PDB file of N, CA and C in Angstrom:
ATOM      1  N   UNK A   1       0.886  -1.164   0.051  1.00  0.00           N
ATOM      2  CA  UNK A   1      -0.129   0.136  -0.151  1.00  0.00           C
ATOM      3  C   UNK A   1       0.843   1.108  -0.097  1.00  0.00           C
ATOM      4  N   UNK A   2       1.974   1.137   0.409  1.00  0.00           N
ATOM      5  CA  UNK A   2       2.929   2.460   0.671  1.00  0.00           C
ATOM      6  C   UNK A   2       3.222   2.756  -0.502  1.00  0.00           C
ATOM      7  N   UNK A   3       3.320   1.908  -1.887  1.00  0.00           N
ATOM      8  CA  UNK A   3       4.287   2.477  -3.004  1.00  0.00           C
ATOM      9  C   UNK A   3       2.707   3.018  -4.028  1.00  0.00           C
ATOM     10  N   UNK A   4       1.679   2.393  -3.385  1.00  0.00           N
ATOM     11  CA  UNK A   4       0.171   3.308  -3.862  1.00  0.00           C
ATOM     12  C   UNK A   4       0.223   4.702  -3.478  1.00  0.00           C
ATOM     13  N   UNK A   5       0.847   4.922  -1.960  1.00  0.00           N
ATOM     14  CA  UNK A   5       0.497   6.147  -1.937  1.00  0.00           C
ATOM     15  C   UNK A   5       1.564   6.872  -2.266  1.00  0.00           C
ATOM     16  N   UNK A   6       2.622   6.297  -2.182  1.00  0.00           N
ATOM     17  CA  UNK A   6       4.191   7.130  -3.034  1.00  0.00           C
ATOM     18  C   UNK A   6       3.684   8.023  -4.271  1.00  0.00           C
ATOM     19  N   UNK A   7       3.384   6.610  -5.114  1.00  0.00           N
ATOM     20  CA  UNK A   7       2.890   6.927  -6.467  1.00  0.00           C
ATOM     21  C   UNK A   7       1.423   8.421  -6.272  1.00  0.00           C
ATOM     22  N   UNK A   8       0.710   8.437  -5.749  1.00  0.00           N
ATOM     23  CA  UNK A   8      -0.263   9.052  -5.701  1.00  0.00           C
ATOM     24  C   UNK A   8       0.179  10.413  -5.509  1.00  0.00           C
ATOM     25  N   UNK A   9       1.292  10.377  -4.456  1.00  0.00           N
ATOM     26  CA  UNK A   9       1.962  11.479  -3.805  1.00  0.00           C
ATOM     27  C   UNK A   9       3.098  12.137  -4.883  1.00  0.00           C
ATOM     28  N   UNK A  10       3.903  11.229  -5.867  1.00  0.00           N
ATOM     29  CA  UNK A  10       4.419  11.889  -6.475  1.00  0.00           C
ATOM     30  C   UNK A  10       3.506  12.402  -7.506  1.00  0.00           C
ATOM     31  N   UNK A  11       2.651  12.116  -8.121  1.00  0.00           N
ATOM     32  CA  UNK A  11       1.684  12.383  -9.129  1.00  0.00           C
ATOM     33  C   UNK A  11       1.158  14.210  -8.351  1.00  0.00           C
ATOM     34  N   UNK A  12       0.681  14.195  -7.200  1.00  0.00           N
ATOM     35  CA  UNK A  12       0.565  15.531  -6.523  1.00  0.00           C
ATOM     36  C   UNK A  12       1.805  16.365  -6.603  1.00  0.00           C
ATOM     37  N   UNK A  13       2.786  16.127  -6.502  1.00  0.00           N
ATOM     38  CA  UNK A  13       3.773  16.919  -6.304  1.00  0.00           C
ATOM     39  C   UNK A  13       4.279  17.386  -7.737  1.00  0.00           C
ATOM     40  N   UNK A  14       4.206  16.473  -8.394  1.00  0.00           N
ATOM     41  CA  UNK A  14       4.256  16.861 -10.156  1.00  0.00           C
ATOM     42  C   UNK A  14       3.187  17.753 -10.374  1.00  0.00           C
ATOM     43  N   UNK A  15       2.116  17.674 -10.244  1.00  0.00           N
ATOM     44  CA  UNK A  15       1.298  18.390 -10.842  1.00  0.00           C
ATOM     45  C   UNK A  15       1.362  20.034 -10.087  1.00  0.00           C
ATOM     46  N   UNK A  16       1.511  19.964  -8.822  1.00  0.00           N
ATOM     47  CA  UNK A  16       1.698  21.043  -8.421  1.00  0.00           C
ATOM     48  C   UNK A  16       3.307  21.813  -8.167  1.00  0.00           C
ATOM     49  N   UNK A  17       3.825  21.209  -8.703  1.00  0.00           N
ATOM     50  CA  UNK A  17       5.100  21.702  -8.702  1.00  0.00           C
ATOM     51  C   UNK A  17       5.114  22.395 -10.329  1.00  0.00           C
ATOM     52  N   UNK A  18       4.196  21.574 -11.028  1.00  0.00           N
ATOM     53  CA  UNK A  18       4.772  22.535 -12.557  1.00  0.00           C
ATOM     54  C   UNK A  18       3.787  23.980 -12.606  1.00  0.00           C
ATOM     55  N   UNK A  19       2.965  24.252 -11.871  1.00  0.00           N
ATOM     56  CA  UNK A  19       2.160  24.947 -11.992  1.00  0.00           C
ATOM     57  C   UNK A  19       3.235  26.483 -12.173  1.00  0.00           C
ATOM     58  N   UNK A  20       4.235  26.920 -11.664  1.00  0.00           N
ATOM     59  CA  UNK A  20       5.139  28.050 -11.729  1.00  0.00           C
ATOM     60  C   UNK A  20       5.871  27.874 -13.365  1.00  0.00           C
ATOM     61  N   UNK A  21       6.339  26.800 -13.901  1.00  0.00           N
ATOM     62  CA  UNK A  21       7.000  26.668 -14.897  1.00  0.00           C
ATOM     63  C   UNK A  21       6.469  26.337 -16.023  1.00  0.00           C
ATOM     64  N   UNK A  22       5.276  25.578 -16.229  1.00  0.00           N
ATOM     65  CA  UNK A  22       4.875  25.215 -17.288  1.00  0.00           C
ATOM     66  C   UNK A  22       3.902  26.139 -18.311  1.00  0.00           C
ATOM     67  N   UNK A  23       3.768  26.078 -19.382  1.00  0.00           N
ATOM     68  CA  UNK A  23       3.393  26.887 -20.297  1.00  0.00           C
ATOM     69  C   UNK A  23       1.762  26.729 -20.101  1.00  0.00           C
ATOM     70  N   UNK A  24       0.989  27.343 -20.724  1.00  0.00           N
ATOM     71  CA  UNK A  24      -0.731  27.111 -20.553  1.00  0.00           C
ATOM     72  C   UNK A  24      -1.170  25.829 -21.321  1.00  0.00           C
ATOM     73  N   UNK A  25      -0.235  25.523 -22.452  1.00  0.00           N
ATOM     74  CA  UNK A  25      -0.987  24.239 -23.037  1.00  0.00           C
ATOM     75  C   UNK A  25      -0.718  23.148 -21.686  1.00  0.00           C
ATOM     76  N   UNK A  26       0.377  23.076 -21.373  1.00  0.00           N
ATOM     77  CA  UNK A  26       1.412  22.093 -20.515  1.00  0.00           C
ATOM     78  C   UNK A  26       0.048  22.079 -19.117  1.00  0.00           C
ATOM     79  N   UNK A  27      -0.192  23.266 -18.772  1.00  0.00           N
ATOM     80  CA  UNK A  27      -1.188  23.423 -17.367  1.00  0.00           C
ATOM     81  C   UNK A  27      -2.412  22.930 -18.165  1.00  0.00           C
ATOM     82  N   UNK A  28      -3.029  23.178 -19.098  1.00  0.00           N
ATOM     83  CA  UNK A  28      -4.197  22.390 -19.333  1.00  0.00           C
ATOM     84  C   UNK A  28      -4.337  21.034 -19.264  1.00  0.00           C
ATOM     85  N   UNK A  29      -3.149  20.757 -19.898  1.00  0.00           N
ATOM     86  CA  UNK A  29      -2.975  18.860 -20.067  1.00  0.00           C
ATOM     87  C   UNK A  29      -2.729  18.236 -18.329  1.00  0.00           C
ATOM     88  N   UNK A  30      -1.987  19.062 -17.709  1.00  0.00           N
ATOM     89  CA  UNK A  30      -1.662  18.676 -16.681  1.00  0.00           C
ATOM     90  C   UNK A  30      -3.001  18.678 -15.960  1.00  0.00           C
ATOM     91  N   UNK A  31      -3.625  20.113 -15.833  1.00  0.00           N
ATOM     92  CA  UNK A  31      -4.993  19.942 -14.964  1.00  0.00           C
ATOM     93  C   UNK A  31      -6.012  18.595 -15.304  1.00  0.00           C
ATOM     94  N   UNK A  32      -5.897  18.964 -16.694  1.00  0.00           N
ATOM     95  CA  UNK A  32      -6.997  17.704 -17.422  1.00  0.00           C
ATOM     96  C   UNK A  32      -6.414  16.184 -16.976  1.00  0.00           C
ATOM     97  N   UNK A  33      -5.191  15.890 -16.653  1.00  0.00           N
ATOM     98  CA  UNK A  33      -4.947  14.799 -16.339  1.00  0.00           C
ATOM     99  C   UNK A  33      -4.905  14.409 -15.184  1.00  0.00           C
ATOM    100  N   UNK A  34      -4.780  15.339 -14.174  1.00  0.00           N
ATOM    101  CA  UNK A  34      -4.978  15.344 -12.862  1.00  0.00           C
ATOM    102  C   UNK A  34      -6.318  14.785 -12.373  1.00  0.00           C
ATOM    103  N   UNK A  35      -7.581  15.682 -13.052  1.00  0.00           N
ATOM    104  CA  UNK A  35      -8.670  15.127 -12.807  1.00  0.00           C
ATOM    105  C   UNK A  35      -9.072  13.604 -13.014  1.00  0.00           C
ATOM    106  N   UNK A  36      -8.368  13.174 -14.083  1.00  0.00           N
ATOM    107  CA  UNK A  36      -8.716  11.850 -14.406  1.00  0.00           C
ATOM    108  C   UNK A  36      -7.876  11.093 -13.247  1.00  0.00           C
ATOM    109  N   UNK A  37      -6.903  10.954 -13.038  1.00  0.00           N
ATOM    110  CA  UNK A  37      -6.166  10.236 -12.012  1.00  0.00           C
ATOM    111  C   UNK A  37      -6.952  10.871 -10.427  1.00  0.00           C
ATOM    112  N   UNK A  38      -7.335  11.820  -9.892  1.00  0.00           N
ATOM    113  CA  UNK A  38      -8.064  12.155  -9.050  1.00  0.00           C
ATOM    114  C   UNK A  38      -9.603  11.097  -9.005  1.00  0.00           C
ATOM    115  N   UNK A  39     -10.412  11.045  -9.981  1.00  0.00           N
ATOM    116  CA  UNK A  39     -11.274  10.176 -10.261  1.00  0.00           C
ATOM    117  C   UNK A  39     -11.162   8.793 -10.024  1.00  0.00           C
ATOM    118  N   UNK A  40      -9.960   8.295 -10.880  1.00  0.00           N
ATOM    119  CA  UNK A  40      -9.337   7.253 -10.939  1.00  0.00           C
ATOM    120  C   UNK A  40      -9.778   6.384  -9.494  1.00  0.00           C
ATOM    121  N   UNK A  41      -8.627   7.281  -8.293  1.00  0.00           N
ATOM    122  CA  UNK A  41      -8.508   7.134  -7.132  1.00  0.00           C
ATOM    123  C   UNK A  41      -9.352   7.448  -6.210  1.00  0.00           C
ATOM    124  N   UNK A  42     -10.341   8.291  -6.231  1.00  0.00           N
ATOM    125  CA  UNK A  42     -11.563   8.264  -6.052  1.00  0.00           C
ATOM    126  C   UNK A  42     -12.790   7.066  -5.848  1.00  0.00           C
ATOM    127  N   UNK A  43     -12.607   6.300  -7.398  1.00  0.00           N
ATOM    128  CA  UNK A  43     -13.410   5.171  -7.429  1.00  0.00           C
ATOM    129  C   UNK A  43     -13.059   4.156  -6.677  1.00  0.00           C
ATOM    130  N   UNK A  44     -11.565   3.628  -6.572  1.00  0.00           N
ATOM    131  CA  UNK A  44     -10.923   2.656  -6.264  1.00  0.00           C
ATOM    132  C   UNK A  44     -10.819   2.818  -4.652  1.00  0.00           C
ATOM    133  N   UNK A  45     -10.747   3.650  -4.134  1.00  0.00           N
ATOM    134  CA  UNK A  45     -11.202   4.649  -2.634  1.00  0.00           C
ATOM    135  C   UNK A  45     -12.749   3.839  -2.232  1.00  0.00           C
ATOM    136  N   UNK A  46     -13.740   4.502  -3.176  1.00  0.00           N
ATOM    137  CA  UNK A  46     -14.872   4.073  -2.713  1.00  0.00           C
ATOM    138  C   UNK A  46     -15.267   2.676  -2.507  1.00  0.00           C
ATOM    139  N   UNK A  47     -14.234   1.627  -2.950  1.00  0.00           N
ATOM    140  CA  UNK A  47     -14.527   0.066  -2.543  1.00  0.00           C
ATOM    141  C   UNK A  47     -14.218  -0.312  -1.443  1.00  0.00           C
ATOM    142  N   UNK A  48     -13.212   0.765  -1.004  1.00  0.00           N
ATOM    143  CA  UNK A  48     -12.781   0.562   0.541  1.00  0.00           C
ATOM    144  C   UNK A  48     -11.863  -0.936   0.727  1.00  0.00           C
ATOM    145  N   UNK A  49     -11.153  -0.856  -0.340  1.00  0.00           N
ATOM    146  CA  UNK A  49     -10.314  -1.975  -0.464  1.00  0.00           C
ATOM    147  C   UNK A  49      -9.050  -1.757  -0.695  1.00  0.00           C
ATOM    148  N   UNK A  50      -8.240  -2.138  -0.108  1.00  0.00           N
ATOM    149  CA  UNK A  50      -6.722  -1.573  -0.982  1.00  0.00           C
ATOM    150  C   UNK A  50      -6.756  -2.111  -2.342  1.00  0.00           C
ATOM    151  N   UNK A  51      -5.845  -0.717  -2.665  1.00  0.00           N
ATOM    152  CA  UNK A  51      -5.856  -0.807  -4.199  1.00  0.00           C
ATOM    153  C   UNK A  51      -4.269  -0.514  -4.718  1.00  0.00           C
ATOM    154  N   UNK A  52      -3.888  -1.075  -6.220  1.00  0.00           N
ATOM    155  CA  UNK A  52      -2.523  -1.011  -6.319  1.00  0.00           C
ATOM    156  C   UNK A  52      -1.838   0.186  -7.378  1.00  0.00           C
ATOM    157  N   UNK A  53      -0.785   0.438  -7.372  1.00  0.00           N
ATOM    158  CA  UNK A  53      -0.310   1.387  -8.684  1.00  0.00           C
ATOM    159  C   UNK A  53      -0.957   1.113  -9.762  1.00  0.00           C
ATOM    160  N   UNK A  54      -0.807  -0.269 -10.371  1.00  0.00           N
ATOM    161  CA  UNK A  54      -1.369  -0.964 -11.573  1.00  0.00           C
ATOM    162  C   UNK A  54      -2.367  -0.443 -11.859  1.00  0.00           C
ATOM    163  N   UNK A  55      -3.529  -0.540 -10.541  1.00  0.00           N
ATOM    164  CA  UNK A  55      -4.992  -0.531 -10.681  1.00  0.00           C
ATOM    165  C   UNK A  55      -5.524   1.133 -11.117  1.00  0.00           C
ATOM    166  N   UNK A  56      -4.408   2.004 -10.593  1.00  0.00           N
ATOM    167  CA  UNK A  56      -4.777   3.398 -10.955  1.00  0.00           C
ATOM    168  C   UNK A  56      -4.463   3.406 -12.316  1.00  0.00           C
ATOM    169  N   UNK A  57      -3.285   2.833 -12.762  1.00  0.00           N
ATOM    170  CA  UNK A  57      -2.876   2.942 -14.187  1.00  0.00           C
ATOM    171  C   UNK A  57      -3.889   2.550 -15.301  1.00  0.00           C
ATOM    172  N   UNK A  58      -4.429   1.382 -14.700  1.00  0.00           N
ATOM    173  CA  UNK A  58      -5.261   1.068 -15.851  1.00  0.00           C
ATOM    174  C   UNK A  58      -6.770   1.858 -15.635  1.00  0.00           C
ATOM    175  N   UNK A  59      -7.005   2.341 -14.753  1.00  0.00           N
ATOM    176  CA  UNK A  59      -8.078   3.107 -14.730  1.00  0.00           C
ATOM    177  C   UNK A  59      -8.127   4.675 -15.209  1.00  0.00           C
ATOM    178  N   UNK A  60      -6.901   5.389 -15.294  1.00  0.00           N
ATOM    179  CA  UNK A  60      -6.484   6.353 -16.063  1.00  0.00           C
ATOM    180  C   UNK A  60      -6.314   6.073 -17.214  1.00  0.00           C
ATOM    181  N   UNK A  61      -5.832   4.730 -17.951  1.00  0.00           N
ATOM    182  CA  UNK A  61      -5.851   4.543 -18.835  1.00  0.00           C
ATOM    183  C   UNK A  61      -7.178   4.628 -19.730  1.00  0.00           C
ATOM    184  N   UNK A  62      -7.834   3.584 -19.151  1.00  0.00           N
ATOM    185  CA  UNK A  62      -9.462   3.615 -19.492  1.00  0.00           C
ATOM    186  C   UNK A  62      -9.902   5.027 -19.382  1.00  0.00           C
ATOM    187  N   UNK A  63      -9.845   5.768 -18.549  1.00  0.00           N
ATOM    188  CA  UNK A  63     -10.528   6.922 -18.649  1.00  0.00           C
ATOM    189  C   UNK A  63     -10.004   7.851 -19.579  1.00  0.00           C
ATOM    190  N   UNK A  64      -8.830   8.158 -20.091  1.00  0.00           N
ATOM    191  CA  UNK A  64      -8.115   9.002 -21.016  1.00  0.00           C
ATOM    192  C   UNK A  64      -8.776   8.339 -22.182  1.00  0.00           C
ATOM    193  N   UNK A  65      -8.551   6.774 -22.606  1.00  0.00           N
ATOM    194  CA  UNK A  65      -9.197   6.433 -23.674  1.00  0.00           C
ATOM    195  C   UNK A  65     -10.547   6.537 -24.021  1.00  0.00           C
ATOM    196  N   UNK A  66     -11.362   6.484 -23.379  1.00  0.00           N
ATOM    197  CA  UNK A  66     -12.884   7.263 -23.494  1.00  0.00           C
ATOM    198  C   UNK A  66     -13.040   8.483 -23.797  1.00  0.00           C
ATOM    199  N   UNK A  67     -12.043   9.339 -23.027  1.00  0.00           N
ATOM    200  CA  UNK A  67     -12.351  10.925 -23.465  1.00  0.00           C
ATOM    201  C   UNK A  67     -11.957  10.850 -24.557  1.00  0.00           C
ATOM    202  N   UNK A  68     -11.010  10.578 -25.051  1.00  0.00           N
ATOM    203  CA  UNK A  68     -10.026  10.566 -26.422  1.00  0.00           C
ATOM    204  C   UNK A  68     -11.202  10.239 -27.818  1.00  0.00           C
ATOM    205  N   UNK A  69     -11.709   9.223 -27.158  1.00  0.00           N
ATOM    206  CA  UNK A  69     -12.243   8.690 -28.089  1.00  0.00           C
ATOM    207  C   UNK A  69     -13.635   9.491 -28.411  1.00  0.00           C
ATOM    208  N   UNK A  70     -14.313   9.701 -27.480  1.00  0.00           N
ATOM    209  CA  UNK A  70     -15.430  10.597 -27.077  1.00  0.00           C
ATOM    210  C   UNK A  70     -15.435  12.080 -27.790  1.00  0.00           C
ATOM    211  N   UNK A  71     -13.941  12.629 -28.115  1.00  0.00           N
ATOM    212  CA  UNK A  71     -13.886  14.094 -28.443  1.00  0.00           C
ATOM    213  C   UNK A  71     -13.661  14.811 -27.721  1.00  0.00           C
ATOM    214  N   UNK A  72     -13.234  14.681 -26.532  1.00  0.00           N
ATOM    215  CA  UNK A  72     -12.691  15.508 -25.507  1.00  0.00           C
ATOM    216  C   UNK A  72     -11.982  16.432 -25.620  1.00  0.00           C
ATOM    217  N   UNK A  73     -10.586  16.029 -26.394  1.00  0.00           N
ATOM    218  CA  UNK A  73      -9.728  16.886 -26.405  1.00  0.00           C
ATOM    219  C   UNK A  73      -9.656  16.677 -28.315  1.00  0.00           C
ATOM    220  N   UNK A  74      -8.883  17.662 -28.784  1.00  0.00           N
ATOM    221  CA  UNK A  74      -8.046  17.988 -29.970  1.00  0.00           C
ATOM    222  C   UNK A  74      -6.896  16.677 -30.140  1.00  0.00           C
ATOM    223  N   UNK A  75      -6.321  16.806 -31.062  1.00  0.00           N
ATOM    224  CA  UNK A  75      -5.090  16.157 -31.075  1.00  0.00           C
ATOM    225  C   UNK A  75      -4.077  16.474 -30.521  1.00  0.00           C
ATOM    226  N   UNK A  76      -3.585  17.661 -30.600  1.00  0.00           N
ATOM    227  CA  UNK A  76      -2.574  18.058 -29.991  1.00  0.00           C
ATOM    228  C   UNK A  76      -2.656  18.161 -28.377  1.00  0.00           C
ATOM    229  N   UNK A  77      -3.831  18.070 -27.825  1.00  0.00           N
ATOM    230  CA  UNK A  77      -4.204  18.387 -26.557  1.00  0.00           C
ATOM    231  C   UNK A  77      -4.050  16.915 -26.030  1.00  0.00           C
ATOM    232  N   UNK A  78      -4.548  16.087 -26.678  1.00  0.00           N
ATOM    233  CA  UNK A  78      -4.696  14.538 -26.569  1.00  0.00           C
ATOM    234  C   UNK A  78      -3.191  13.912 -26.701  1.00  0.00           C
ATOM    235  N   UNK A  79      -2.315  14.131 -27.515  1.00  0.00           N
ATOM    236  CA  UNK A  79      -1.300  13.946 -27.454  1.00  0.00           C
ATOM    237  C   UNK A  79       0.055  14.011 -26.294  1.00  0.00           C
ATOM    238  N   UNK A  80      -0.309  15.494 -25.566  1.00  0.00           N
ATOM    239  CA  UNK A  80       0.331  15.859 -24.745  1.00  0.00           C
ATOM    240  C   UNK A  80      -0.019  15.395 -23.080  1.00  0.00           C
ATOM    241  N   UNK A  81      -1.493  15.123 -23.553  1.00  0.00           N
ATOM    242  CA  UNK A  81      -1.888  14.650 -21.969  1.00  0.00           C
ATOM    243  C   UNK A  81      -1.405  13.133 -21.984  1.00  0.00           C
ATOM    244  N   UNK A  82      -1.011  12.278 -23.094  1.00  0.00           N
ATOM    245  CA  UNK A  82      -0.906  11.047 -22.950  1.00  0.00           C
ATOM    246  C   UNK A  82       0.713  10.967 -22.641  1.00  0.00           C
ATOM    247  N   UNK A  83       1.613  12.172 -23.360  1.00  0.00           N
ATOM    248  CA  UNK A  83       2.689  12.022 -23.233  1.00  0.00           C
ATOM    249  C   UNK A  83       2.872  12.482 -21.489  1.00  0.00           C
ATOM    250  N   UNK A  84       2.361  13.556 -20.974  1.00  0.00           N
ATOM    251  CA  UNK A  84       2.567  13.509 -19.400  1.00  0.00           C
ATOM    252  C   UNK A  84       2.396  12.074 -18.549  1.00  0.00           C
ATOM    253  N   UNK A  85       1.402  11.530 -19.217  1.00  0.00           N
ATOM    254  CA  UNK A  85       0.882  10.281 -18.552  1.00  0.00           C
ATOM    255  C   UNK A  85       2.014   9.326 -18.710  1.00  0.00           C
ATOM    256  N   UNK A  86       2.123   9.067 -19.817  1.00  0.00           N
ATOM    257  CA  UNK A  86       3.628   8.214 -19.853  1.00  0.00           C
ATOM    258  C   UNK A  86       4.742   8.113 -18.774  1.00  0.00           C
ATOM    259  N   UNK A  87       5.014   9.751 -18.683  1.00  0.00           N
ATOM    260  CA  UNK A  87       5.952  10.046 -17.693  1.00  0.00           C
ATOM    261  C   UNK A  87       5.611   9.664 -16.288  1.00  0.00           C
ATOM    262  N   UNK A  88       4.194  10.148 -16.164  1.00  0.00           N
ATOM    263  CA  UNK A  88       4.274  10.004 -14.582  1.00  0.00           C
ATOM    264  C   UNK A  88       4.190   8.368 -14.282  1.00  0.00           C
ATOM    265  N   UNK A  89       3.292   7.578 -15.252  1.00  0.00           N
ATOM    266  CA  UNK A  89       3.149   6.158 -15.094  1.00  0.00           C
ATOM    267  C   UNK A  89       4.105   5.019 -14.860  1.00  0.00           C
ATOM    268  N   UNK A  90       5.355   5.529 -15.156  1.00  0.00           N
ATOM    269  CA  UNK A  90       5.852   4.710 -15.542  1.00  0.00           C
ATOM    270  C   UNK A  90       6.797   4.266 -13.911  1.00  0.00           C
TER     271      UNK A  90
END
């Protein structure tokens, strides 16, 4: 469980730390991605069972896929969001 908490914390630190240096496009992409991460974690917490980093990654991947297929992002924004997510989810 500590690995999961560390991952969630690492994501939050990344998002919070980028505010001072990120471009407008990066801030948008990071804010959008943070929403998907927070939603995935919140849904997993509702189960009141321990969950893993892998489950968070899978949930965010599925959520982003649905959003992109649903046309929520233009191609450039989708690419930037996916690039940031690849960096975080490693």
